[in-house]
Protein backbone atom coordinates (compact mmCIF):
# COMPACT_ATOMS: atom_id res chain seq x y z
CA ALA A 1 0.45 0.07 -0.04
CA ASP A 2 1.12 3.50 -0.81
CA ASN A 3 -0.41 4.94 2.43
CA TYR A 4 3.38 6.25 3.05
CA ALA A 5 3.50 8.37 0.10
CA ALA A 6 -0.32 9.07 0.00
CA THR A 7 -0.01 11.14 3.44
CA ARG A 8 3.98 12.60 2.68
CA TYR A 9 2.49 14.25 -0.17
CA PRO A 10 -0.43 16.55 1.19
CA ILE A 11 1.91 17.15 4.32
CA ILE A 12 4.99 18.38 2.10
CA LEU A 13 2.73 20.70 -0.20
CA VAL A 14 0.84 22.35 3.02
CA HIS A 15 4.54 23.00 4.37
CA GLY A 16 5.00 24.67 1.07
CA LEU A 17 1.87 26.88 1.56
CA THR A 18 2.26 27.57 5.32
CA GLY A 19 6.18 28.17 4.88
CA THR A 20 6.74 25.62 7.43
CA ASP A 21 9.71 23.03 7.59
CA ARG A 22 9.13 21.86 10.51
């Protein structure tokens, strides 16, 4: 299952939009 990638992409996108790189 690509659950890891599926949950990884949105997180990166949100962090990029918010400008947070935690």
